[in-house]
Amino acid sequence: MAVNRRRGEVEAEIGGRIRRLCLTLGALAELEDAFAAEDVAALARRFGSGGLSARDLTRIIGAGLRGAGEAIDDEALARLPIEGGAAGAARIASELLGAAFGEGEERANP
């Protein structure tokens, strides 16, 4: 499955399958609600401060899966094994947030 980083897509092994994740505008709106953030800039500051809990990682990854079209809720996601365990979940969330907020875009497009 090819991912399009320009659209903010990443892929990860979750539940024994390679899955696509994408923080669409709808997924970002979902995260604004979940984190009581007033806007996307507030979300970026929140995520940039570090210290994400396991619940935070579940919300971010779940929103990314739903943004890519999967019908899964956070409770079902929390029961699935993630490649690399907790460290793998942190890596997935980091890649997803980086893709959504344009991290590394300058290096990719000189």
PDB file of N, CA and C in Angstrom:
ATOM      1  N   MET A   1       0.855  -1.167   0.000  1.00  0.00           N
ATOM      2  CA  MET A   1       0.000   0.000   0.000  1.00  0.00           C
ATOM      3  C   MET A   1       0.904   1.234   0.000  1.00  0.00           C
ATOM      4  N   ALA A   2       0.784   2.044  -1.032  1.00  0.00           N
ATOM      5  CA  ALA A   2       1.596   3.254  -1.123  1.00  0.00           C
ATOM      6  C   ALA A   2       0.925   4.384  -0.355  1.00  0.00           C
ATOM      7  N   VAL A   3       1.732   5.116   0.403  1.00  0.00           N
ATOM      8  CA  VAL A   3       1.187   6.255   1.140  1.00  0.00           C
ATOM      9  C   VAL A   3       1.616   7.541   0.461  1.00  0.00           C
ATOM     10  N   ASN A   4       0.827   8.564   0.648  1.00  0.00           N
ATOM     11  CA  ASN A   4       1.111   9.870   0.071  1.00  0.00           C
ATOM     12  C   ASN A   4       1.385  10.838   1.220  1.00  0.00           C
ATOM     13  N   ARG A   5       2.669  11.102   1.496  1.00  0.00           N
ATOM     14  CA  ARG A   5       3.045  11.988   2.605  1.00  0.00           C
ATOM     15  C   ARG A   5       2.533  13.407   2.376  1.00  0.00           C
ATOM     16  N   ARG A   6       2.375  13.814   1.125  1.00  0.00           N
ATOM     17  CA  ARG A   6       1.847  15.161   0.850  1.00  0.00           C
ATOM     18  C   ARG A   6       0.411  15.308   1.342  1.00  0.00           C
ATOM     19  N   ARG A   7      -0.309  14.197   1.405  1.00  0.00           N
ATOM     20  CA  ARG A   7      -1.673  14.219   1.939  1.00  0.00           C
ATOM     21  C   ARG A   7      -1.676  13.910   3.433  1.00  0.00           C
ATOM     22  N   GLY A   8      -0.508  13.726   4.019  1.00  0.00           N
ATOM     23  CA  GLY A   8      -0.422  13.460   5.451  1.00  0.00           C
ATOM     24  C   GLY A   8      -0.618  12.011   5.827  1.00  0.00           C
ATOM     25  N   GLU A   9      -0.444  11.105   4.871  1.00  0.00           N
ATOM     26  CA  GLU A   9      -0.659   9.691   5.146  1.00  0.00           C
ATOM     27  C   GLU A   9       0.598   9.021   5.694  1.00  0.00           C
ATOM     28  N   VAL A  10       0.379   8.076   6.583  1.00  0.00           N
ATOM     29  CA  VAL A  10       1.439   7.187   7.056  1.00  0.00           C
ATOM     30  C   VAL A  10       0.845   5.785   7.094  1.00  0.00           C
ATOM     31  N   GLU A  11       1.702   4.779   7.242  1.00  0.00           N
ATOM     32  CA  GLU A  11       1.197   3.427   7.418  1.00  0.00           C
ATOM     33  C   GLU A  11       1.895   2.791   8.596  1.00  0.00           C
ATOM     34  N   ALA A  12       1.193   1.844   9.205  1.00  0.00           N
ATOM     35  CA  ALA A  12       1.717   1.180  10.391  1.00  0.00           C
ATOM     36  C   ALA A  12       1.074  -0.187  10.529  1.00  0.00           C
ATOM     37  N   GLU A  13       1.790  -1.087  11.204  1.00  0.00           N
ATOM     38  CA  GLU A  13       1.224  -2.403  11.473  1.00  0.00           C
ATOM     39  C   GLU A  13       0.463  -2.351  12.790  1.00  0.00           C
ATOM     40  N   ILE A  14      -0.838  -2.527  12.677  1.00  0.00           N
ATOM     41  CA  ILE A  14      -1.740  -2.502  13.830  1.00  0.00           C
ATOM     42  C   ILE A  14      -2.683  -3.681  13.695  1.00  0.00           C
ATOM     43  N   GLY A  15      -2.774  -4.480  14.746  1.00  0.00           N
ATOM     44  CA  GLY A  15      -3.645  -5.646  14.701  1.00  0.00           C
ATOM     45  C   GLY A  15      -3.213  -6.670  13.681  1.00  0.00           C
ATOM     46  N   GLY A  16      -1.898  -6.740  13.419  1.00  0.00           N
ATOM     47  CA  GLY A  16      -1.368  -7.724  12.480  1.00  0.00           C
ATOM     48  C   GLY A  16      -1.538  -7.371  11.019  1.00  0.00           C
ATOM     49  N   ARG A  17      -2.006  -6.159  10.728  1.00  0.00           N
ATOM     50  CA  ARG A  17      -2.183  -5.706   9.346  1.00  0.00           C
ATOM     51  C   ARG A  17      -1.508  -4.364   9.141  1.00  0.00           C
ATOM     52  N   ILE A  18      -1.022  -4.134   7.945  1.00  0.00           N
ATOM     53  CA  ILE A  18      -0.521  -2.809   7.594  1.00  0.00           C
ATOM     54  C   ILE A  18      -1.738  -1.948   7.294  1.00  0.00           C
ATOM     55  N   ARG A  19      -1.812  -0.828   7.987  1.00  0.00           N
ATOM     56  CA  ARG A  19      -2.965   0.068   7.838  1.00  0.00           C
ATOM     57  C   ARG A  19      -2.497   1.471   7.486  1.00  0.00           C
ATOM     58  N   ARG A  20      -3.350   2.178   6.783  1.00  0.00           N
ATOM     59  CA  ARG A  20      -3.092   3.567   6.426  1.00  0.00           C
ATOM     60  C   ARG A  20      -3.751   4.466   7.468  1.00  0.00           C
ATOM     61  N   LEU A  21      -3.072   5.550   7.808  1.00  0.00           N
ATOM     62  CA  LEU A  21      -3.598   6.539   8.743  1.00  0.00           C
ATOM     63  C   LEU A  21      -3.451   7.916   8.113  1.00  0.00           C
ATOM     64  N   CYS A  22      -4.394   8.803   8.390  1.00  0.00           N
ATOM     65  CA  CYS A  22      -4.326  10.157   7.854  1.00  0.00           C
ATOM     66  C   CYS A  22      -5.138  11.097   8.748  1.00  0.00           C
ATOM     67  N   LEU A  23      -4.521  12.178   9.175  1.00  0.00           N
ATOM     68  CA  LEU A  23      -5.240  13.176   9.960  1.00  0.00           C
ATOM     69  C   LEU A  23      -5.863  14.194   9.004  1.00  0.00           C
ATOM     70  N   THR A  24      -7.051  13.849   8.525  1.00  0.00           N
ATOM     71  CA  THR A  24      -7.826  14.745   7.668  1.00  0.00           C
ATOM     72  C   THR A  24      -8.338  15.913   8.506  1.00  0.00           C
ATOM     73  N   LEU A  25      -8.984  16.881   7.871  1.00  0.00           N
ATOM     74  CA  LEU A  25      -9.580  17.978   8.634  1.00  0.00           C
ATOM     75  C   LEU A  25     -10.614  17.455   9.625  1.00  0.00           C
ATOM     76  N   GLY A  26     -11.382  16.449   9.210  1.00  0.00           N
ATOM     77  CA  GLY A  26     -12.356  15.859  10.115  1.00  0.00           C
ATOM     78  C   GLY A  26     -11.691  15.185  11.305  1.00  0.00           C
ATOM     79  N   ALA A  27     -10.586  14.490  11.052  1.00  0.00           N
ATOM     80  CA  ALA A  27      -9.846  13.838  12.136  1.00  0.00           C
ATOM     81  C   ALA A  27      -9.238  14.878  13.073  1.00  0.00           C
ATOM     82  N   LEU A  28      -8.741  15.973  12.506  1.00  0.00           N
ATOM     83  CA  LEU A  28      -8.193  17.045  13.356  1.00  0.00           C
ATOM     84  C   LEU A  28      -9.297  17.694  14.185  1.00  0.00           C
ATOM     85  N   ALA A  29     -10.476  17.851  13.603  1.00  0.00           N
ATOM     86  CA  ALA A  29     -11.612  18.396  14.363  1.00  0.00           C
ATOM     87  C   ALA A  29     -11.980  17.453  15.506  1.00  0.00           C
ATOM     88  N   GLU A  30     -11.935  16.161  15.244  1.00  0.00           N
ATOM     89  CA  GLU A  30     -12.189  15.164  16.290  1.00  0.00           C
ATOM     90  C   GLU A  30     -11.180  15.321  17.430  1.00  0.00           C
ATOM     91  N   LEU A  31      -9.912  15.524  17.081  1.00  0.00           N
ATOM     92  CA  LEU A  31      -8.878  15.707  18.108  1.00  0.00           C
ATOM     93  C   LEU A  31      -9.048  17.026  18.852  1.00  0.00           C
ATOM     94  N   GLU A  32      -9.477  18.083  18.148  1.00  0.00           N
ATOM     95  CA  GLU A  32      -9.766  19.349  18.846  1.00  0.00           C
ATOM     96  C   GLU A  32     -10.802  19.117  19.946  1.00  0.00           C
ATOM     97  N   ASP A  33     -11.853  18.373  19.617  1.00  0.00           N
ATOM     98  CA  ASP A  33     -12.882  18.058  20.615  1.00  0.00           C
ATOM     99  C   ASP A  33     -12.324  17.206  21.749  1.00  0.00           C
ATOM    100  N   ALA A  34     -11.583  16.164  21.396  1.00  0.00           N
ATOM    101  CA  ALA A  34     -11.055  15.235  22.400  1.00  0.00           C
ATOM    102  C   ALA A  34     -10.102  15.919  23.378  1.00  0.00           C
ATOM    103  N   PHE A  35      -9.323  16.888  22.885  1.00  0.00           N
ATOM    104  CA  PHE A  35      -8.326  17.560  23.716  1.00  0.00           C
ATOM    105  C   PHE A  35      -8.773  18.954  24.152  1.00  0.00           C
ATOM    106  N   ALA A  36     -10.038  19.296  23.877  1.00  0.00           N
ATOM    107  CA  ALA A  36     -10.594  20.608  24.239  1.00  0.00           C
ATOM    108  C   ALA A  36      -9.684  21.743  23.755  1.00  0.00           C
ATOM    109  N   ALA A  37      -9.235  21.619  22.508  1.00  0.00           N
ATOM    110  CA  ALA A  37      -8.371  22.633  21.891  1.00  0.00           C
ATOM    111  C   ALA A  37      -9.243  23.578  21.078  1.00  0.00           C
ATOM    112  N   GLU A  38      -8.951  24.866  21.151  1.00  0.00           N
ATOM    113  CA  GLU A  38      -9.783  25.836  20.439  1.00  0.00           C
ATOM    114  C   GLU A  38      -9.528  25.866  18.941  1.00  0.00           C
ATOM    115  N   ASP A  39      -8.334  25.433  18.512  1.00  0.00           N
ATOM    116  CA  ASP A  39      -8.025  25.427  17.090  1.00  0.00           C
ATOM    117  C   ASP A  39      -6.838  24.506  16.818  1.00  0.00           C
ATOM    118  N   VAL A  40      -6.474  24.398  15.538  1.00  0.00           N
ATOM    119  CA  VAL A  40      -5.383  23.504  15.142  1.00  0.00           C
ATOM    120  C   VAL A  40      -4.048  23.966  15.735  1.00  0.00           C
ATOM    121  N   ALA A  41      -3.844  25.275  15.839  1.00  0.00           N
ATOM    122  CA  ALA A  41      -2.608  25.777  16.444  1.00  0.00           C
ATOM    123  C   ALA A  41      -2.495  25.333  17.900  1.00  0.00           C
ATOM    124  N   ALA A  42      -3.604  25.337  18.613  1.00  0.00           N
ATOM    125  CA  ALA A  42      -3.599  24.870  20.009  1.00  0.00           C
ATOM    126  C   ALA A  42      -3.287  23.378  20.070  1.00  0.00           C
ATOM    127  N   LEU A  43      -3.799  22.616  19.094  1.00  0.00           N
ATOM    128  CA  LEU A  43      -3.464  21.187  19.028  1.00  0.00           C
ATOM    129  C   LEU A  43      -1.965  21.009  18.815  1.00  0.00           C
ATOM    130  N   ALA A  44      -1.407  21.745  17.874  1.00  0.00           N
ATOM    131  CA  ALA A  44       0.027  21.632  17.582  1.00  0.00           C
ATOM    132  C   ALA A  44       0.861  21.958  18.823  1.00  0.00           C
ATOM    133  N   ARG A  45       0.461  23.001  19.560  1.00  0.00           N
ATOM    134  CA  ARG A  45       1.183  23.337  20.798  1.00  0.00           C
ATOM    135  C   ARG A  45       1.050  22.215  21.814  1.00  0.00           C
ATOM    136  N   ARG A  46      -0.138  21.661  21.941  1.00  0.00           N
ATOM    137  CA  ARG A  46      -0.386  20.575  22.899  1.00  0.00           C
ATOM    138  C   ARG A  46       0.484  19.368  22.584  1.00  0.00           C
ATOM    139  N   PHE A  47       0.520  18.986  21.321  1.00  0.00           N
ATOM    140  CA  PHE A  47       1.303  17.822  20.940  1.00  0.00           C
ATOM    141  C   PHE A  47       2.795  18.105  20.977  1.00  0.00           C
ATOM    142  N   GLY A  48       3.179  19.344  20.716  1.00  0.00           N
ATOM    143  CA  GLY A  48       4.587  19.719  20.743  1.00  0.00           C
ATOM    144  C   GLY A  48       5.173  19.778  22.140  1.00  0.00           C
ATOM    145  N   SER A  49       4.303  19.837  23.149  1.00  0.00           N
ATOM    146  CA  SER A  49       4.788  19.926  24.528  1.00  0.00           C
ATOM    147  C   SER A  49       5.269  18.587  25.064  1.00  0.00           C
ATOM    148  N   GLY A  50       4.989  17.498  24.332  1.00  0.00           N
ATOM    149  CA  GLY A  50       5.410  16.166  24.776  1.00  0.00           C
ATOM    150  C   GLY A  50       4.515  15.637  25.873  1.00  0.00           C
ATOM    151  N   GLY A  51       4.938  14.561  26.498  1.00  0.00           N
ATOM    152  CA  GLY A  51       4.193  14.009  27.610  1.00  0.00           C
ATOM    153  C   GLY A  51       2.847  13.425  27.234  1.00  0.00           C
ATOM    154  N   LEU A  52       2.743  12.727  26.108  1.00  0.00           N
ATOM    155  CA  LEU A  52       1.485  12.128  25.699  1.00  0.00           C
ATOM    156  C   LEU A  52       1.242  10.838  26.471  1.00  0.00           C
ATOM    157  N   SER A  53       0.019  10.667  26.942  1.00  0.00           N
ATOM    158  CA  SER A  53      -0.364   9.455  27.664  1.00  0.00           C
ATOM    159  C   SER A  53      -0.744   8.360  26.663  1.00  0.00           C
ATOM    160  N   ALA A  54      -0.903   7.137  27.176  1.00  0.00           N
ATOM    161  CA  ALA A  54      -1.359   6.034  26.327  1.00  0.00           C
ATOM    162  C   ALA A  54      -2.737   6.369  25.738  1.00  0.00           C
ATOM    163  N   ARG A  55      -3.582   7.007  26.524  1.00  0.00           N
ATOM    164  CA  ARG A  55      -4.909   7.413  26.031  1.00  0.00           C
ATOM    165  C   ARG A  55      -4.782   8.439  24.909  1.00  0.00           C
ATOM    166  N   ASP A  56      -3.839   9.378  25.057  1.00  0.00           N
ATOM    167  CA  ASP A  56      -3.590  10.370  24.008  1.00  0.00           C
ATOM    168  C   ASP A  56      -3.162   9.678  22.720  1.00  0.00           C
ATOM    169  N   LEU A  57      -2.235   8.711  22.837  1.00  0.00           N
ATOM    170  CA  LEU A  57      -1.757   7.981  21.660  1.00  0.00           C
ATOM    171  C   LEU A  57      -2.911   7.247  20.988  1.00  0.00           C
ATOM    172  N   THR A  58      -3.773   6.624  21.791  1.00  0.00           N
ATOM    173  CA  THR A  58      -4.938   5.921  21.247  1.00  0.00           C
ATOM    174  C   THR A  58      -5.845   6.883  20.486  1.00  0.00           C
ATOM    175  N   ARG A  59      -6.084   8.056  21.041  1.00  0.00           N
ATOM    176  CA  ARG A  59      -6.945   9.043  20.370  1.00  0.00           C
ATOM    177  C   ARG A  59      -6.331   9.502  19.043  1.00  0.00           C
ATOM    178  N   ILE A  60      -5.041   9.773  19.043  1.00  0.00           N
ATOM    179  CA  ILE A  60      -4.365  10.253  17.830  1.00  0.00           C
ATOM    180  C   ILE A  60      -4.370   9.171  16.753  1.00  0.00           C
ATOM    181  N   ILE A  61      -3.969   7.963  17.124  1.00  0.00           N
ATOM    182  CA  ILE A  61      -3.918   6.868  16.157  1.00  0.00           C
ATOM    183  C   ILE A  61      -5.331   6.522  15.678  1.00  0.00           C
ATOM    184  N   GLY A  62      -6.292   6.493  16.586  1.00  0.00           N
ATOM    185  CA  GLY A  62      -7.684   6.217  16.197  1.00  0.00           C
ATOM    186  C   GLY A  62      -8.217   7.244  15.223  1.00  0.00           C
ATOM    187  N   ALA A  63      -7.955   8.517  15.485  1.00  0.00           N
ATOM    188  CA  ALA A  63      -8.397   9.578  14.570  1.00  0.00           C
ATOM    189  C   ALA A  63      -7.736   9.408  13.206  1.00  0.00           C
ATOM    190  N   GLY A  64      -6.465   9.020  13.199  1.00  0.00           N
ATOM    191  CA  GLY A  64      -5.758   8.788  11.939  1.00  0.00           C
ATOM    192  C   GLY A  64      -6.331   7.628  11.148  1.00  0.00           C
ATOM    193  N   LEU A  65      -6.682   6.550  11.849  1.00  0.00           N
ATOM    194  CA  LEU A  65      -7.310   5.411  11.168  1.00  0.00           C
ATOM    195  C   LEU A  65      -8.664   5.803  10.596  1.00  0.00           C
ATOM    196  N   ARG A  66      -9.471   6.490  11.392  1.00  0.00           N
ATOM    197  CA  ARG A  66     -10.790   6.919  10.911  1.00  0.00           C
ATOM    198  C   ARG A  66     -10.653   7.908   9.764  1.00  0.00           C
ATOM    199  N   GLY A  67      -9.644   8.791   9.842  1.00  0.00           N
ATOM    200  CA  GLY A  67      -9.406   9.744   8.761  1.00  0.00           C
ATOM    201  C   GLY A  67      -9.062   9.057   7.448  1.00  0.00           C
ATOM    202  N   ALA A  68      -8.472   7.864   7.548  1.00  0.00           N
ATOM    203  CA  ALA A  68      -8.126   7.090   6.346  1.00  0.00           C
ATOM    204  C   ALA A  68      -9.250   6.151   5.931  1.00  0.00           C
ATOM    205  N   GLY A  69     -10.387   6.214   6.650  1.00  0.00           N
ATOM    206  CA  GLY A  69     -11.555   5.456   6.232  1.00  0.00           C
ATOM    207  C   GLY A  69     -11.889   4.209   7.030  1.00  0.00           C
ATOM    208  N   GLU A  70     -11.114   3.893   8.063  1.00  0.00           N
ATOM    209  CA  GLU A  70     -11.424   2.708   8.877  1.00  0.00           C
ATOM    210  C   GLU A  70     -12.555   3.008   9.859  1.00  0.00           C
ATOM    211  N   ALA A  71     -13.429   2.034  10.024  1.00  0.00           N
ATOM    212  CA  ALA A  71     -14.520   2.153  10.987  1.00  0.00           C
ATOM    213  C   ALA A  71     -14.076   1.447  12.271  1.00  0.00           C
ATOM    214  N   ILE A  72     -13.381   2.178  13.123  1.00  0.00           N
ATOM    215  CA  ILE A  72     -12.876   1.611  14.373  1.00  0.00           C
ATOM    216  C   ILE A  72     -12.988   2.678  15.454  1.00  0.00           C
ATOM    217  N   ASP A  73     -13.405   2.262  16.643  1.00  0.00           N
ATOM    218  CA  ASP A  73     -13.437   3.231  17.732  1.00  0.00           C
ATOM    219  C   ASP A  73     -12.187   3.050  18.601  1.00  0.00           C
ATOM    220  N   ASP A  74     -11.963   4.002  19.493  1.00  0.00           N
ATOM    221  CA  ASP A  74     -10.753   3.978  20.303  1.00  0.00           C
ATOM    222  C   ASP A  74     -10.685   2.759  21.215  1.00  0.00           C
ATOM    223  N   GLU A  75     -11.825   2.299  21.713  1.00  0.00           N
ATOM    224  CA  GLU A  75     -11.831   1.113  22.580  1.00  0.00           C
ATOM    225  C   GLU A  75     -11.368  -0.126  21.823  1.00  0.00           C
ATOM    226  N   ALA A  76     -11.842  -0.310  20.596  1.00  0.00           N
ATOM    227  CA  ALA A  76     -11.425  -1.454  19.781  1.00  0.00           C
ATOM    228  C   ALA A  76      -9.942  -1.332  19.431  1.00  0.00           C
ATOM    229  N   LEU A  77      -9.500  -0.131  19.088  1.00  0.00           N
ATOM    230  CA  LEU A  77      -8.092   0.094  18.772  1.00  0.00           C
ATOM    231  C   LEU A  77      -7.207  -0.260  19.969  1.00  0.00           C
ATOM    232  N   ALA A  78      -7.622   0.127  21.159  1.00  0.00           N
ATOM    233  CA  ALA A  78      -6.817  -0.106  22.363  1.00  0.00           C
ATOM    234  C   ALA A  78      -6.594  -1.591  22.628  1.00  0.00           C
ATOM    235  N   ARG A  79      -7.448  -2.450  22.096  1.00  0.00           N
ATOM    236  CA  ARG A  79      -7.296  -3.894  22.289  1.00  0.00           C
ATOM    237  C   ARG A  79      -6.401  -4.548  21.239  1.00  0.00           C
ATOM    238  N   LEU A  80      -6.041  -3.820  20.183  1.00  0.00           N
ATOM    239  CA  LEU A  80      -5.220  -4.391  19.110  1.00  0.00           C
ATOM    240  C   LEU A  80      -3.734  -4.271  19.429  1.00  0.00           C
ATOM    241  N   PRO A  81      -2.960  -5.300  19.069  1.00  0.00           N
ATOM    242  CA  PRO A  81      -1.515  -5.176  19.234  1.00  0.00           C
ATOM    243  C   PRO A  81      -0.948  -4.208  18.190  1.00  0.00           C
ATOM    244  N   ILE A  82       0.021  -3.417  18.628  1.00  0.00           N
ATOM    245  CA  ILE A  82       0.703  -2.480  17.734  1.00  0.00           C
ATOM    246  C   ILE A  82       2.154  -2.904  17.648  1.00  0.00           C
ATOM    247  N   GLU A  83       2.656  -2.994  16.421  1.00  0.00           N
ATOM    248  CA  GLU A  83       4.051  -3.387  16.246  1.00  0.00           C
ATOM    249  C   GLU A  83       4.944  -2.442  17.053  1.00  0.00           C
ATOM    250  N   GLY A  84       5.782  -3.007  17.908  1.00  0.00           N
ATOM    251  CA  GLY A  84       6.683  -2.203  18.725  1.00  0.00           C
ATOM    252  C   GLY A  84       6.091  -1.803  20.066  1.00  0.00           C
ATOM    253  N   GLY A  85       4.864  -2.240  20.351  1.00  0.00           N
ATOM    254  CA  GLY A  85       4.240  -1.940  21.639  1.00  0.00           C
ATOM    255  C   GLY A  85       4.033  -0.447  21.858  1.00  0.00           C
ATOM    256  N   ALA A  86       4.242  -0.013  23.101  1.00  0.00           N
ATOM    257  CA  ALA A  86       4.024   1.397  23.449  1.00  0.00           C
ATOM    258  C   ALA A  86       4.972   2.312  22.682  1.00  0.00           C
ATOM    259  N   ALA A  87       6.220   1.880  22.521  1.00  0.00           N
ATOM    260  CA  ALA A  87       7.183   2.689  21.766  1.00  0.00           C
ATOM    261  C   ALA A  87       6.752   2.790  20.303  1.00  0.00           C
ATOM    262  N   GLY A  88       6.202   1.708  19.760  1.00  0.00           N
ATOM    263  CA  GLY A  88       5.698   1.726  18.391  1.00  0.00           C
ATOM    264  C   GLY A  88       4.518   2.665  18.242  1.00  0.00           C
ATOM    265  N   ALA A  89       3.635   2.674  19.242  1.00  0.00           N
ATOM    266  CA  ALA A  89       2.483   3.585  19.210  1.00  0.00           C
ATOM    267  C   ALA A  89       2.957   5.036  19.235  1.00  0.00           C
ATOM    268  N   ALA A  90       3.962   5.322  20.061  1.00  0.00           N
ATOM    269  CA  ALA A  90       4.512   6.684  20.124  1.00  0.00           C
ATOM    270  C   ALA A  90       5.122   7.083  18.784  1.00  0.00           C
ATOM    271  N   ARG A  91       5.814   6.147  18.147  1.00  0.00           N
ATOM    272  CA  ARG A  91       6.423   6.419  16.839  1.00  0.00           C
ATOM    273  C   ARG A  91       5.345   6.695  15.794  1.00  0.00           C
ATOM    274  N   ILE A  92       4.280   5.883  15.784  1.00  0.00           N
ATOM    275  CA  ILE A  92       3.188   6.071  14.825  1.00  0.00           C
ATOM    276  C   ILE A  92       2.556   7.444  15.013  1.00  0.00           C
ATOM    277  N   ALA A  93       2.247   7.788  16.259  1.00  0.00           N
ATOM    278  CA  ALA A  93       1.628   9.091  16.532  1.00  0.00           C
ATOM    279  C   ALA A  93       2.542  10.226  16.098  1.00  0.00           C
ATOM    280  N   SER A  94       3.834  10.095  16.375  1.00  0.00           N
ATOM    281  CA  SER A  94       4.799  11.122  15.990  1.00  0.00           C
ATOM    282  C   SER A  94       4.861  11.287  14.472  1.00  0.00           C
ATOM    283  N   GLU A  95       4.928  10.179  13.748  1.00  0.00           N
ATOM    284  CA  GLU A  95       4.952  10.233  12.282  1.00  0.00           C
ATOM    285  C   GLU A  95       3.661  10.841  11.731  1.00  0.00           C
ATOM    286  N   LEU A  96       2.549  10.452  12.319  1.00  0.00           N
ATOM    287  CA  LEU A  96       1.250  10.950  11.866  1.00  0.00           C
ATOM    288  C   LEU A  96       1.131  12.453  12.082  1.00  0.00           C
ATOM    289  N   LEU A  97       1.515  12.904  13.269  1.00  0.00           N
ATOM    290  CA  LEU A  97       1.466  14.344  13.561  1.00  0.00           C
ATOM    291  C   LEU A  97       2.449  15.107  12.677  1.00  0.00           C
ATOM    292  N   GLY A  98       3.632  14.546  12.475  1.00  0.00           N
ATOM    293  CA  GLY A  98       4.612  15.181  11.601  1.00  0.00           C
ATOM    294  C   GLY A  98       4.099  15.316  10.175  1.00  0.00           C
ATOM    295  N   ALA A  99       3.435  14.268   9.688  1.00  0.00           N
ATOM    296  CA  ALA A  99       2.877  14.306   8.334  1.00  0.00           C
ATOM    297  C   ALA A  99       1.744  15.329   8.242  1.00  0.00           C
ATOM    298  N   ALA A 100       0.905  15.387   9.265  1.00  0.00           N
ATOM    299  CA  ALA A 100      -0.236  16.306   9.246  1.00  0.00           C
ATOM    300  C   ALA A 100       0.184  17.761   9.339  1.00  0.00           C
ATOM    301  N   PHE A 101       1.228  18.027  10.120  1.00  0.00           N
ATOM    302  CA  PHE A 101       1.648  19.407  10.340  1.00  0.00           C
ATOM    303  C   PHE A 101       2.845  19.800   9.478  1.00  0.00           C
ATOM    304  N   GLY A 102       3.172  18.964   8.461  1.00  0.00           N
ATOM    305  CA  GLY A 102       4.175  19.327   7.480  1.00  0.00           C
ATOM    306  C   GLY A 102       5.615  19.187   7.898  1.00  0.00           C
ATOM    307  N   GLU A 103       5.902  18.399   8.919  1.00  0.00           N
ATOM    308  CA  GLU A 103       7.280  18.204   9.374  1.00  0.00           C
ATOM    309  C   GLU A 103       8.111  17.596   8.253  1.00  0.00           C
ATOM    310  N   GLY A 104       9.259  18.188   8.001  1.00  0.00           N
ATOM    311  CA  GLY A 104      10.186  17.663   7.027  1.00  0.00           C
ATOM    312  C   GLY A 104       9.853  18.028   5.594  1.00  0.00           C
ATOM    313  N   GLU A 105       8.791  18.780   5.363  1.00  0.00           N
ATOM    314  CA  GLU A 105       8.399  19.130   4.015  1.00  0.00           C
ATOM    315  C   GLU A 105       9.465  19.978   3.309  1.00  0.00           C
ATOM    316  N   GLU A 106      10.119  20.847   4.084  1.00  0.00           N
ATOM    317  CA  GLU A 106      11.161  21.675   3.471  1.00  0.00           C
ATOM    318  C   GLU A 106      12.301  20.837   2.933  1.00  0.00           C
ATOM    319  N   ARG A 107      12.668  19.763   3.672  1.00  0.00           N
ATOM    320  CA  ARG A 107      13.753  18.889   3.226  1.00  0.00           C
ATOM    321  C   ARG A 107      13.339  18.104   1.988  1.00  0.00           C
ATOM    322  N   ALA A 108      12.072  17.709   1.909  1.00  0.00           N
ATOM    323  CA  ALA A 108      11.604  16.913   0.799  1.00  0.00           C
ATOM    324  C   ALA A 108      11.438  17.751  -0.468  1.00  0.00           C
ATOM    325  N   ASN A 109      11.225  19.050  -0.327  1.00  0.00           N
ATOM    326  CA  ASN A 109      11.005  19.929  -1.474  1.00  0.00           C
ATOM    327  C   ASN A 109      11.949  21.110  -1.412  1.00  0.00           C
ATOM    328  N   PRO A 110      13.196  20.908  -1.829  1.00  0.00           N
ATOM    329  CA  PRO A 110      14.167  22.021  -1.735  1.00  0.00           C
ATOM    330  C   PRO A 110      13.806  23.200  -2.616  1.00  0.00           C
TER     331      PRO A 110
END
